[in-house]
């Protein structure tokens, strides 16, 4: 594939449309726009106008630059070859329809949780991938905490190469279901525990907290196995411990949402596990307790009565 992406497209066509200008969406846009034409789609025109005024982007090495994205509201956004879906789980259905309307070749979601049931039918294909990339916004500065690695479905080789060439390692995976289930396993432990404890990811390494993590893995293992993940408890525990250690100083996205008074992704993470468990006749009491605790934190922080 040619390294000059502009040679691939007509003057009016974009290479990539990113729907969801949160921290990760803006970080991806900042890097990919150095190599290709990127359209960043906001919830509405007013928010797009604010984005066009620019934002400060900080790379993992500490370098900073001001990015002036080509930002649009959903109605005026241009067509593109590929689409990336990077919205919160609650916004999936609406955002996926926008991305599918704009992206000619396909859309990949790199969202947290299990959201594929909310995607519109093809064409084009809208498929959930996975990423370990992490970004945050502090004092108005968008920081890419880690480029991580992204896994895309077959047929998205061109997009994987574009992301990799932009400094965001990506590859097509033949075992995408397994990759996604492993990421879900990590999120099922780290996200709700850190949200309830109001602590960074490293809190899981404390002995008493880790004991609870072990119990959570014991509960969820048979459910994830029924969905196609053959990993045993020890494999899952090793993976979760490694992620908690490597991201010890990070604030999980669920904790960030709770602190900001936003709706969390608990439904697309623990809520999905509980529904799968019900289908198997399994109660999962520890996961259910965490689910209700996080939902309570959401309602308290948003000034709503507890349900």
C-alpha atoms as a PDB file:
ATOM      1  CA  UNK A   1       0.000   0.000   0.000  1.00  0.00           C
ATOM      2  CA  UNK A   2       1.371   3.459  -0.841  1.00  0.00           C
ATOM      3  CA  UNK A   3       2.600   5.468   2.114  1.00  0.00           C
ATOM      4  CA  UNK A   4       0.942   8.633   0.779  1.00  0.00           C
ATOM      5  CA  UNK A   5      -2.693   8.232   1.744  1.00  0.00           C
ATOM      6  CA  UNK A   6      -3.770  11.340  -0.126  1.00  0.00           C
ATOM      7  CA  UNK A   7      -2.967   9.511  -3.374  1.00  0.00           C
ATOM      8  CA  UNK A   8      -5.672   7.005  -2.451  1.00  0.00           C
ATOM      9  CA  UNK A   9      -8.622   9.373  -2.417  1.00  0.00           C
ATOM     10  CA  UNK A  10     -10.330  12.108  -4.316  1.00  0.00           C
ATOM     11  CA  UNK A  11     -10.019  15.718  -3.222  1.00  0.00           C
ATOM     12  CA  UNK A  12     -13.333  15.698  -1.383  1.00  0.00           C
ATOM     13  CA  UNK A  13     -13.081  12.286   0.285  1.00  0.00           C
ATOM     14  CA  UNK A  14     -11.620  11.725   3.730  1.00  0.00           C
ATOM     15  CA  UNK A  15      -9.580   8.690   4.646  1.00  0.00           C
ATOM     16  CA  UNK A  16     -11.038   8.287   8.122  1.00  0.00           C
ATOM     17  CA  UNK A  17     -14.031   9.563  10.038  1.00  0.00           C
ATOM     18  CA  UNK A  18     -13.830   9.341  13.832  1.00  0.00           C
ATOM     19  CA  UNK A  19     -17.192   9.497  15.597  1.00  0.00           C
ATOM     20  CA  UNK A  20     -16.629  10.421  19.217  1.00  0.00           C
ATOM     21  CA  UNK A  21     -14.313  13.325  20.137  1.00  0.00           C
ATOM     22  CA  UNK A  22     -13.590  12.211  23.682  1.00  0.00           C
ATOM     23  CA  UNK A  23     -10.042  11.872  24.956  1.00  0.00           C
ATOM     24  CA  UNK A  24      -9.242   8.807  22.850  1.00  0.00           C
ATOM     25  CA  UNK A  25     -11.008  10.135  19.762  1.00  0.00           C
ATOM     26  CA  UNK A  26      -9.080  13.398  19.880  1.00  0.00           C
ATOM     27  CA  UNK A  27      -5.798  11.570  20.506  1.00  0.00           C
ATOM     28  CA  UNK A  28      -6.371   9.279  17.509  1.00  0.00           C
ATOM     29  CA  UNK A  29      -7.352  12.268  15.358  1.00  0.00           C
ATOM     30  CA  UNK A  30      -4.210  14.174  16.364  1.00  0.00           C
ATOM     31  CA  UNK A  31      -1.898  11.356  15.280  1.00  0.00           C
ATOM     32  CA  UNK A  32      -3.699  10.009  12.217  1.00  0.00           C
ATOM     33  CA  UNK A  33      -4.251  13.493  10.745  1.00  0.00           C
ATOM     34  CA  UNK A  34      -0.477  13.763  10.278  1.00  0.00           C
ATOM     35  CA  UNK A  35      -0.711  11.037   7.637  1.00  0.00           C
ATOM     36  CA  UNK A  36      -4.245  11.211   6.266  1.00  0.00           C
ATOM     37  CA  UNK A  37      -7.397  13.299   6.010  1.00  0.00           C
ATOM     38  CA  UNK A  38      -9.449  12.823   9.169  1.00  0.00           C
ATOM     39  CA  UNK A  39     -12.963  14.074   9.917  1.00  0.00           C
ATOM     40  CA  UNK A  40     -13.828  14.266  13.621  1.00  0.00           C
ATOM     41  CA  UNK A  41     -17.574  14.085  14.277  1.00  0.00           C
ATOM     42  CA  UNK A  42     -19.025  15.705  17.393  1.00  0.00           C
ATOM     43  CA  UNK A  43     -22.509  15.359  18.862  1.00  0.00           C
ATOM     44  CA  UNK A  44     -23.650  18.633  17.227  1.00  0.00           C
ATOM     45  CA  UNK A  45     -22.397  21.606  15.238  1.00  0.00           C
ATOM     46  CA  UNK A  46     -21.786  23.780  18.279  1.00  0.00           C
ATOM     47  CA  UNK A  47     -19.412  21.247  19.811  1.00  0.00           C
ATOM     48  CA  UNK A  48     -17.708  20.817  16.442  1.00  0.00           C
ATOM     49  CA  UNK A  49     -17.095  24.562  16.321  1.00  0.00           C
ATOM     50  CA  UNK A  50     -15.377  24.421  19.721  1.00  0.00           C
ATOM     51  CA  UNK A  51     -13.173  21.575  18.505  1.00  0.00           C
ATOM     52  CA  UNK A  52     -12.121  23.536  15.419  1.00  0.00           C
ATOM     53  CA  UNK A  53     -10.678  26.215  17.706  1.00  0.00           C
ATOM     54  CA  UNK A  54      -8.007  23.681  18.606  1.00  0.00           C
ATOM     55  CA  UNK A  55      -6.822  21.654  21.574  1.00  0.00           C
ATOM     56  CA  UNK A  56      -3.457  20.871  23.112  1.00  0.00           C
ATOM     57  CA  UNK A  57      -2.283  17.314  22.521  1.00  0.00           C
ATOM     58  CA  UNK A  58       0.434  15.692  24.637  1.00  0.00           C
ATOM     59  CA  UNK A  59       2.192  12.557  23.420  1.00  0.00           C
ATOM     60  CA  UNK A  60       3.480   9.786  25.729  1.00  0.00           C
ATOM     61  CA  UNK A  61       7.025  11.165  25.431  1.00  0.00           C
ATOM     62  CA  UNK A  62       5.864  14.566  26.677  1.00  0.00           C
ATOM     63  CA  UNK A  63       5.892  16.491  23.393  1.00  0.00           C
ATOM     64  CA  UNK A  64       2.996  18.924  22.959  1.00  0.00           C
ATOM     65  CA  UNK A  65       1.298  20.456  19.943  1.00  0.00           C
ATOM     66  CA  UNK A  66      -1.905  22.331  19.214  1.00  0.00           C
ATOM     67  CA  UNK A  67      -4.267  20.405  16.955  1.00  0.00           C
ATOM     68  CA  UNK A  68      -6.915  22.079  14.792  1.00  0.00           C
ATOM     69  CA  UNK A  69      -9.108  19.194  13.666  1.00  0.00           C
ATOM     70  CA  UNK A  70     -11.516  19.143  10.759  1.00  0.00           C
ATOM     71  CA  UNK A  71     -14.540  18.769  13.010  1.00  0.00           C
ATOM     72  CA  UNK A  72     -18.190  18.475  11.999  1.00  0.00           C
ATOM     73  CA  UNK A  73     -21.628  17.899  13.413  1.00  0.00           C
ATOM     74  CA  UNK A  74     -23.364  14.686  12.317  1.00  0.00           C
ATOM     75  CA  UNK A  75     -25.424  16.282   9.566  1.00  0.00           C
ATOM     76  CA  UNK A  76     -22.598  18.109   7.763  1.00  0.00           C
ATOM     77  CA  UNK A  77     -19.887  15.453   8.210  1.00  0.00           C
ATOM     78  CA  UNK A  78     -18.252  14.286   4.943  1.00  0.00           C
ATOM     79  CA  UNK A  79     -17.968  10.729   3.629  1.00  0.00           C
ATOM     80  CA  UNK A  80     -14.787   8.764   4.273  1.00  0.00           C
ATOM     81  CA  UNK A  81     -13.193   5.454   3.390  1.00  0.00           C
ATOM     82  CA  UNK A  82     -13.167   4.090   6.943  1.00  0.00           C
ATOM     83  CA  UNK A  83     -14.892   4.834  10.230  1.00  0.00           C
ATOM     84  CA  UNK A  84     -13.799   4.592  13.865  1.00  0.00           C
ATOM     85  CA  UNK A  85     -16.395   4.517  16.620  1.00  0.00           C
ATOM     86  CA  UNK A  86     -15.053   5.881  19.926  1.00  0.00           C
ATOM     87  CA  UNK A  87     -18.118   7.015  21.867  1.00  0.00           C
ATOM     88  CA  UNK A  88     -19.326   5.980  25.312  1.00  0.00           C
ATOM     89  CA  UNK A  89     -21.476   2.854  25.321  1.00  0.00           C
ATOM     90  CA  UNK A  90     -24.709   4.758  25.983  1.00  0.00           C
ATOM     91  CA  UNK A  91     -24.254   6.713  22.735  1.00  0.00           C
ATOM     92  CA  UNK A  92     -23.510   3.665  20.581  1.00  0.00           C
ATOM     93  CA  UNK A  93     -26.737   3.232  18.599  1.00  0.00           C
ATOM     94  CA  UNK A  94     -26.934   6.837  17.406  1.00  0.00           C
ATOM     95  CA  UNK A  95     -23.201   7.183  16.734  1.00  0.00           C
ATOM     96  CA  UNK A  96     -22.987   3.849  14.905  1.00  0.00           C
ATOM     97  CA  UNK A  97     -25.718   4.952  12.496  1.00  0.00           C
ATOM     98  CA  UNK A  98     -23.791   8.160  11.778  1.00  0.00           C
ATOM     99  CA  UNK A  99     -20.523   6.273  11.226  1.00  0.00           C
ATOM    100  CA  UNK A 100     -22.192   3.702   8.957  1.00  0.00           C
ATOM    101  CA  UNK A 101     -23.707   6.478   6.833  1.00  0.00           C
ATOM    102  CA  UNK A 102     -20.324   8.157   6.363  1.00  0.00           C
ATOM    103  CA  UNK A 103     -17.813   5.299   6.034  1.00  0.00           C
ATOM    104  CA  UNK A 104     -17.852   3.581   2.663  1.00  0.00           C
ATOM    105  CA  UNK A 105     -15.688   0.531   3.398  1.00  0.00           C
ATOM    106  CA  UNK A 106     -16.460  -0.256   7.016  1.00  0.00           C
ATOM    107  CA  UNK A 107     -16.589   0.911  10.624  1.00  0.00           C
ATOM    108  CA  UNK A 108     -14.707  -0.556  13.560  1.00  0.00           C
ATOM    109  CA  UNK A 109     -15.683   0.150  17.147  1.00  0.00           C
ATOM    110  CA  UNK A 110     -12.897   0.355  19.718  1.00  0.00           C
ATOM    111  CA  UNK A 111     -15.276   0.983  22.601  1.00  0.00           C
ATOM    112  CA  UNK A 112     -15.289  -0.514  26.068  1.00  0.00           C
ATOM    113  CA  UNK A 113     -17.844  -3.158  26.906  1.00  0.00           C
ATOM    114  CA  UNK A 114     -19.973  -5.376  24.669  1.00  0.00           C
ATOM    115  CA  UNK A 115     -22.007  -3.159  22.357  1.00  0.00           C
ATOM    116  CA  UNK A 116     -22.295  -5.040  19.049  1.00  0.00           C
ATOM    117  CA  UNK A 117     -26.037  -5.634  19.503  1.00  0.00           C
ATOM    118  CA  UNK A 118     -26.525  -1.883  19.000  1.00  0.00           C
ATOM    119  CA  UNK A 119     -24.875  -1.721  15.571  1.00  0.00           C
ATOM    120  CA  UNK A 120     -26.922  -1.199  12.388  1.00  0.00           C
ATOM    121  CA  UNK A 121     -26.956  -4.000   9.803  1.00  0.00           C
ATOM    122  CA  UNK A 122     -24.491  -3.853   6.885  1.00  0.00           C
ATOM    123  CA  UNK A 123     -23.603  -2.422   4.477  1.00  0.00           C
ATOM    124  CA  UNK A 124     -21.089  -1.197   5.390  1.00  0.00           C
ATOM    125  CA  UNK A 125     -19.910  -3.628   8.076  1.00  0.00           C
ATOM    126  CA  UNK A 126     -19.858  -2.206  11.608  1.00  0.00           C
ATOM    127  CA  UNK A 127     -17.767  -4.547  13.760  1.00  0.00           C
ATOM    128  CA  UNK A 128     -16.414  -4.317  17.289  1.00  0.00           C
ATOM    129  CA  UNK A 129     -12.659  -4.585  17.696  1.00  0.00           C
ATOM    130  CA  UNK A 130     -10.567  -3.914  20.789  1.00  0.00           C
ATOM    131  CA  UNK A 131      -7.843  -1.568  21.946  1.00  0.00           C
ATOM    132  CA  UNK A 132      -5.599  -1.082  24.948  1.00  0.00           C
ATOM    133  CA  UNK A 133      -4.841   2.524  23.984  1.00  0.00           C
ATOM    134  CA  UNK A 134      -5.547   4.991  26.784  1.00  0.00           C
ATOM    135  CA  UNK A 135      -6.004   8.753  26.848  1.00  0.00           C
ATOM    136  CA  UNK A 136      -7.174  11.374  29.323  1.00  0.00           C
ATOM    137  CA  UNK A 137      -8.104  15.040  29.493  1.00  0.00           C
ATOM    138  CA  UNK A 138      -6.717  17.183  32.305  1.00  0.00           C
ATOM    139  CA  UNK A 139      -6.931  20.969  32.463  1.00  0.00           C
ATOM    140  CA  UNK A 140      -7.996  20.998  28.828  1.00  0.00           C
ATOM    141  CA  UNK A 141      -4.965  19.024  27.621  1.00  0.00           C
ATOM    142  CA  UNK A 142      -5.577  15.759  25.756  1.00  0.00           C
ATOM    143  CA  UNK A 143      -2.865  13.258  26.715  1.00  0.00           C
ATOM    144  CA  UNK A 144      -2.241   9.914  25.071  1.00  0.00           C
ATOM    145  CA  UNK A 145      -1.309   7.865  28.127  1.00  0.00           C
ATOM    146  CA  UNK A 146      -0.379   4.853  26.015  1.00  0.00           C
ATOM    147  CA  UNK A 147      -0.802   3.992  22.321  1.00  0.00           C
ATOM    148  CA  UNK A 148      -1.434   0.406  23.416  1.00  0.00           C
ATOM    149  CA  UNK A 149      -2.436  -1.967  20.663  1.00  0.00           C
ATOM    150  CA  UNK A 150      -5.612  -2.231  18.615  1.00  0.00           C
ATOM    151  CA  UNK A 151      -7.130  -5.361  17.102  1.00  0.00           C
ATOM    152  CA  UNK A 152      -9.320  -5.048  14.007  1.00  0.00           C
ATOM    153  CA  UNK A 153     -11.462  -7.559  12.102  1.00  0.00           C
ATOM    154  CA  UNK A 154     -10.491  -9.217   8.842  1.00  0.00           C
ATOM    155  CA  UNK A 155     -10.990  -6.918   5.893  1.00  0.00           C
ATOM    156  CA  UNK A 156      -9.713  -3.874   7.785  1.00  0.00           C
ATOM    157  CA  UNK A 157      -6.036  -4.376   6.901  1.00  0.00           C
ATOM    158  CA  UNK A 158      -5.820  -0.984   5.209  1.00  0.00           C
ATOM    159  CA  UNK A 159      -7.101   0.803   8.309  1.00  0.00           C
ATOM    160  CA  UNK A 160      -4.776  -1.220  10.568  1.00  0.00           C
ATOM    161  CA  UNK A 161      -1.813  -0.095   8.481  1.00  0.00           C
ATOM    162  CA  UNK A 162      -2.899   3.536   8.634  1.00  0.00           C
ATOM    163  CA  UNK A 163      -3.189   3.412  12.421  1.00  0.00           C
ATOM    164  CA  UNK A 164       0.184   1.686  12.773  1.00  0.00           C
ATOM    165  CA  UNK A 165       1.874   4.173  10.452  1.00  0.00           C
ATOM    166  CA  UNK A 166       0.441   6.937  12.639  1.00  0.00           C
ATOM    167  CA  UNK A 167       2.035   5.578  15.825  1.00  0.00           C
ATOM    168  CA  UNK A 168      -0.990   3.580  16.995  1.00  0.00           C
ATOM    169  CA  UNK A 169      -0.014  -0.109  16.711  1.00  0.00           C
ATOM    170  CA  UNK A 170      -2.822  -2.112  15.121  1.00  0.00           C
ATOM    171  CA  UNK A 171      -3.305  -5.444  13.414  1.00  0.00           C
ATOM    172  CA  UNK A 172      -6.065  -7.621  12.029  1.00  0.00           C
ATOM    173  CA  UNK A 173      -6.804 -10.540  14.357  1.00  0.00           C
ATOM    174  CA  UNK A 174      -8.127 -13.973  13.461  1.00  0.00           C
ATOM    175  CA  UNK A 175      -9.089 -14.449  17.130  1.00  0.00           C
ATOM    176  CA  UNK A 176     -10.950 -11.180  17.650  1.00  0.00           C
ATOM    177  CA  UNK A 177     -13.642 -12.780  19.809  1.00  0.00           C
ATOM    178  CA  UNK A 178     -10.993 -14.091  22.224  1.00  0.00           C
ATOM    179  CA  UNK A 179      -9.229 -10.713  22.331  1.00  0.00           C
ATOM    180  CA  UNK A 180     -12.507  -8.967  23.123  1.00  0.00           C
ATOM    181  CA  UNK A 181     -13.487 -11.458  25.831  1.00  0.00           C
ATOM    182  CA  UNK A 182     -10.090 -11.055  27.511  1.00  0.00           C
ATOM    183  CA  UNK A 183     -10.446  -7.286  27.467  1.00  0.00           C
ATOM    184  CA  UNK A 184     -13.954  -7.646  28.908  1.00  0.00           C
ATOM    185  CA  UNK A 185     -12.541  -9.835  31.695  1.00  0.00           C
ATOM    186  CA  UNK A 186     -10.045  -7.114  32.625  1.00  0.00           C
ATOM    187  CA  UNK A 187     -12.741  -4.433  32.544  1.00  0.00           C
ATOM    188  CA  UNK A 188     -15.093  -6.546  34.663  1.00  0.00           C
ATOM    189  CA  UNK A 189     -12.623  -6.462  37.549  1.00  0.00           C
ATOM    190  CA  UNK A 190     -10.675  -3.213  37.241  1.00  0.00           C
ATOM    191  CA  UNK A 191     -13.407  -0.785  36.214  1.00  0.00           C
ATOM    192  CA  UNK A 192     -16.136  -1.351  38.820  1.00  0.00           C
ATOM    193  CA  UNK A 193     -13.703  -1.948  41.693  1.00  0.00           C
ATOM    194  CA  UNK A 194     -11.763   1.262  41.060  1.00  0.00           C
ATOM    195  CA  UNK A 195     -15.024   3.192  40.588  1.00  0.00           C
ATOM    196  CA  UNK A 196     -16.399   2.015  43.931  1.00  0.00           C
ATOM    197  CA  UNK A 197     -13.100   2.443  45.795  1.00  0.00           C
ATOM    198  CA  UNK A 198     -12.357   5.809  44.135  1.00  0.00           C
ATOM    199  CA  UNK A 199      -8.786   4.674  43.614  1.00  0.00           C
ATOM    200  CA  UNK A 200      -6.420   4.285  40.617  1.00  0.00           C
ATOM    201  CA  UNK A 201      -5.894   0.873  39.027  1.00  0.00           C
ATOM    202  CA  UNK A 202      -2.979   0.040  41.340  1.00  0.00           C
ATOM    203  CA  UNK A 203      -5.425  -0.366  44.230  1.00  0.00           C
ATOM    204  CA  UNK A 204      -6.123  -3.863  42.909  1.00  0.00           C
ATOM    205  CA  UNK A 205      -2.613  -4.911  43.885  1.00  0.00           C
ATOM    206  CA  UNK A 206      -3.397  -4.438  47.587  1.00  0.00           C
ATOM    207  CA  UNK A 207      -3.959  -7.872  49.185  1.00  0.00           C
ATOM    208  CA  UNK A 208      -7.501  -7.337  50.439  1.00  0.00           C
ATOM    209  CA  UNK A 209      -8.678  -5.820  47.162  1.00  0.00           C
ATOM    210  CA  UNK A 210      -6.939  -8.543  45.159  1.00  0.00           C
ATOM    211  CA  UNK A 211      -8.824 -11.184  47.165  1.00  0.00           C
ATOM    212  CA  UNK A 212     -12.056  -9.664  45.928  1.00  0.00           C
ATOM    213  CA  UNK A 213     -10.667  -9.643  42.396  1.00  0.00           C
ATOM    214  CA  UNK A 214      -9.978 -13.376  42.694  1.00  0.00           C
ATOM    215  CA  UNK A 215     -13.582 -13.994  43.756  1.00  0.00           C
ATOM    216  CA  UNK A 216     -14.859 -11.939  40.819  1.00  0.00           C
ATOM    217  CA  UNK A 217     -12.807 -14.054  38.411  1.00  0.00           C
ATOM    218  CA  UNK A 218     -14.117 -17.274  39.953  1.00  0.00           C
ATOM    219  CA  UNK A 219     -17.679 -16.075  39.376  1.00  0.00           C
ATOM    220  CA  UNK A 220     -17.238 -14.891  35.811  1.00  0.00           C
ATOM    221  CA  UNK A 221     -15.004 -17.678  34.444  1.00  0.00           C
ATOM    222  CA  UNK A 222     -17.816 -20.157  33.582  1.00  0.00           C
ATOM    223  CA  UNK A 223     -19.819 -17.385  31.921  1.00  0.00           C
ATOM    224  CA  UNK A 224     -16.920 -16.247  29.728  1.00  0.00           C
ATOM    225  CA  UNK A 225     -16.071 -19.885  28.966  1.00  0.00           C
ATOM    226  CA  UNK A 226     -19.620 -20.371  27.682  1.00  0.00           C
ATOM    227  CA  UNK A 227     -19.011 -17.484  25.251  1.00  0.00           C
ATOM    228  CA  UNK A 228     -15.887 -19.076  23.786  1.00  0.00           C
ATOM    229  CA  UNK A 229     -13.041 -18.040  26.099  1.00  0.00           C
ATOM    230  CA  UNK A 230     -11.098 -21.140  27.137  1.00  0.00           C
ATOM    231  CA  UNK A 231      -8.786 -19.326  29.581  1.00  0.00           C
ATOM    232  CA  UNK A 232      -8.837 -20.709  33.106  1.00  0.00           C
ATOM    233  CA  UNK A 233      -8.895 -18.717  36.333  1.00  0.00           C
ATOM    234  CA  UNK A 234      -5.116 -18.564  36.674  1.00  0.00           C
ATOM    235  CA  UNK A 235      -4.671 -17.217  33.140  1.00  0.00           C
ATOM    236  CA  UNK A 236      -7.302 -14.554  33.721  1.00  0.00           C
ATOM    237  CA  UNK A 237      -5.813 -13.571  37.078  1.00  0.00           C
ATOM    238  CA  UNK A 238      -2.344 -13.255  35.574  1.00  0.00           C
ATOM    239  CA  UNK A 239      -3.706 -11.021  32.805  1.00  0.00           C
ATOM    240  CA  UNK A 240      -5.658  -8.781  35.179  1.00  0.00           C
ATOM    241  CA  UNK A 241      -2.746  -8.495  37.604  1.00  0.00           C
ATOM    242  CA  UNK A 242      -0.390  -7.567  34.761  1.00  0.00           C
ATOM    243  CA  UNK A 243      -2.733  -4.843  33.503  1.00  0.00           C
ATOM    244  CA  UNK A 244      -3.256  -3.465  37.020  1.00  0.00           C
ATOM    245  CA  UNK A 245       0.503  -3.363  37.594  1.00  0.00           C
ATOM    246  CA  UNK A 246       1.316  -1.755  34.239  1.00  0.00           C
ATOM    247  CA  UNK A 247      -1.439   0.852  34.632  1.00  0.00           C
ATOM    248  CA  UNK A 248      -1.164   1.295  38.394  1.00  0.00           C
ATOM    249  CA  UNK A 249      -1.209   5.099  38.258  1.00  0.00           C
ATOM    250  CA  UNK A 250      -4.060   5.280  35.732  1.00  0.00           C
ATOM    251  CA  UNK A 251      -7.642   6.203  36.551  1.00  0.00           C
ATOM    252  CA  UNK A 252     -10.065   3.797  34.890  1.00  0.00           C
ATOM    253  CA  UNK A 253     -12.634   5.236  32.507  1.00  0.00           C
ATOM    254  CA  UNK A 254     -15.428   4.179  34.862  1.00  0.00           C
ATOM    255  CA  UNK A 255     -13.870   5.989  37.804  1.00  0.00           C
ATOM    256  CA  UNK A 256     -13.308   9.062  35.609  1.00  0.00           C
ATOM    257  CA  UNK A 257     -16.998   8.993  34.657  1.00  0.00           C
ATOM    258  CA  UNK A 258     -18.110   8.696  38.293  1.00  0.00           C
ATOM    259  CA  UNK A 259     -15.873  11.585  39.351  1.00  0.00           C
ATOM    260  CA  UNK A 260     -17.212  13.725  36.496  1.00  0.00           C
ATOM    261  CA  UNK A 261     -20.849  12.891  37.259  1.00  0.00           C
ATOM    262  CA  UNK A 262     -21.303  11.139  33.903  1.00  0.00           C
ATOM    263  CA  UNK A 263     -23.184   7.965  33.080  1.00  0.00           C
ATOM    264  CA  UNK A 264     -20.760   5.034  33.244  1.00  0.00           C
ATOM    265  CA  UNK A 265     -20.413   2.012  30.957  1.00  0.00           C
ATOM    266  CA  UNK A 266     -21.461  -0.428  33.688  1.00  0.00           C
ATOM    267  CA  UNK A 267     -24.403  -1.696  31.578  1.00  0.00           C
ATOM    268  CA  UNK A 268     -22.127  -2.627  28.660  1.00  0.00           C
ATOM    269  CA  UNK A 269     -19.619  -4.329  30.968  1.00  0.00           C
ATOM    270  CA  UNK A 270     -21.087  -5.857  34.149  1.00  0.00           C
ATOM    271  CA  UNK A 271     -24.660  -5.596  32.901  1.00  0.00           C
ATOM    272  CA  UNK A 272     -23.783  -7.788  29.921  1.00  0.00           C
ATOM    273  CA  UNK A 273     -22.097 -10.383  32.150  1.00  0.00           C
ATOM    274  CA  UNK A 274     -25.142 -10.530  34.428  1.00  0.00           C
ATOM    275  CA  UNK A 275     -27.450 -11.102  31.446  1.00  0.00           C
ATOM    276  CA  UNK A 276     -25.197 -13.866  30.148  1.00  0.00           C
ATOM    277  CA  UNK A 277     -25.163 -15.390  33.636  1.00  0.00           C
ATOM    278  CA  UNK A 278     -28.952 -15.338  33.845  1.00  0.00           C
ATOM    279  CA  UNK A 279     -29.122 -17.306  30.600  1.00  0.00           C
ATOM    280  CA  UNK A 280     -27.011 -19.984  32.300  1.00  0.00           C
ATOM    281  CA  UNK A 281     -28.926 -19.851  35.577  1.00  0.00           C
ATOM    282  CA  UNK A 282     -25.953 -18.304  37.425  1.00  0.00           C
ATOM    283  CA  UNK A 283     -26.447 -15.576  40.038  1.00  0.00           C
ATOM    284  CA  UNK A 284     -22.957 -13.916  40.161  1.00  0.00           C
ATOM    285  CA  UNK A 285     -23.656 -12.163  43.494  1.00  0.00           C
ATOM    286  CA  UNK A 286     -20.367 -10.228  43.745  1.00  0.00           C
ATOM    287  CA  UNK A 287     -20.667  -8.831  40.242  1.00  0.00           C
ATOM    288  CA  UNK A 288     -24.305  -7.962  40.891  1.00  0.00           C
ATOM    289  CA  UNK A 289     -23.359  -6.117  44.078  1.00  0.00           C
ATOM    290  CA  UNK A 290     -20.716  -4.081  42.212  1.00  0.00           C
ATOM    291  CA  UNK A 291     -23.221  -3.360  39.458  1.00  0.00           C
ATOM    292  CA  UNK A 292     -25.701  -1.870  41.924  1.00  0.00           C
ATOM    293  CA  UNK A 293     -22.996   0.081  43.754  1.00  0.00           C
ATOM    294  CA  UNK A 294     -21.818   1.726  40.546  1.00  0.00           C
ATOM    295  CA  UNK A 295     -25.389   2.468  39.486  1.00  0.00           C
ATOM    296  CA  UNK A 296     -25.963   4.074  42.890  1.00  0.00           C
ATOM    297  CA  UNK A 297     -22.851   6.228  42.475  1.00  0.00           C
ATOM    298  CA  UNK A 298     -24.145   7.350  39.068  1.00  0.00           C
ATOM    299  CA  UNK A 299     -27.499   8.384  40.469  1.00  0.00           C
ATOM    300  CA  UNK A 300     -26.052  10.146  43.518  1.00  0.00           C
ATOM    301  CA  UNK A 301     -23.548  12.127  41.469  1.00  0.00           C
ATOM    302  CA  UNK A 302     -26.268  13.108  38.960  1.00  0.00           C
ATOM    303  CA  UNK A 303     -28.694  14.143  41.707  1.00  0.00           C
ATOM    304  CA  UNK A 304     -31.154  11.345  40.961  1.00  0.00           C
ATOM    305  CA  UNK A 305     -33.110   9.260  43.482  1.00  0.00           C
ATOM    306  CA  UNK A 306     -31.722   5.780  44.054  1.00  0.00           C
ATOM    307  CA  UNK A 307     -33.466   2.971  42.206  1.00  0.00           C
END
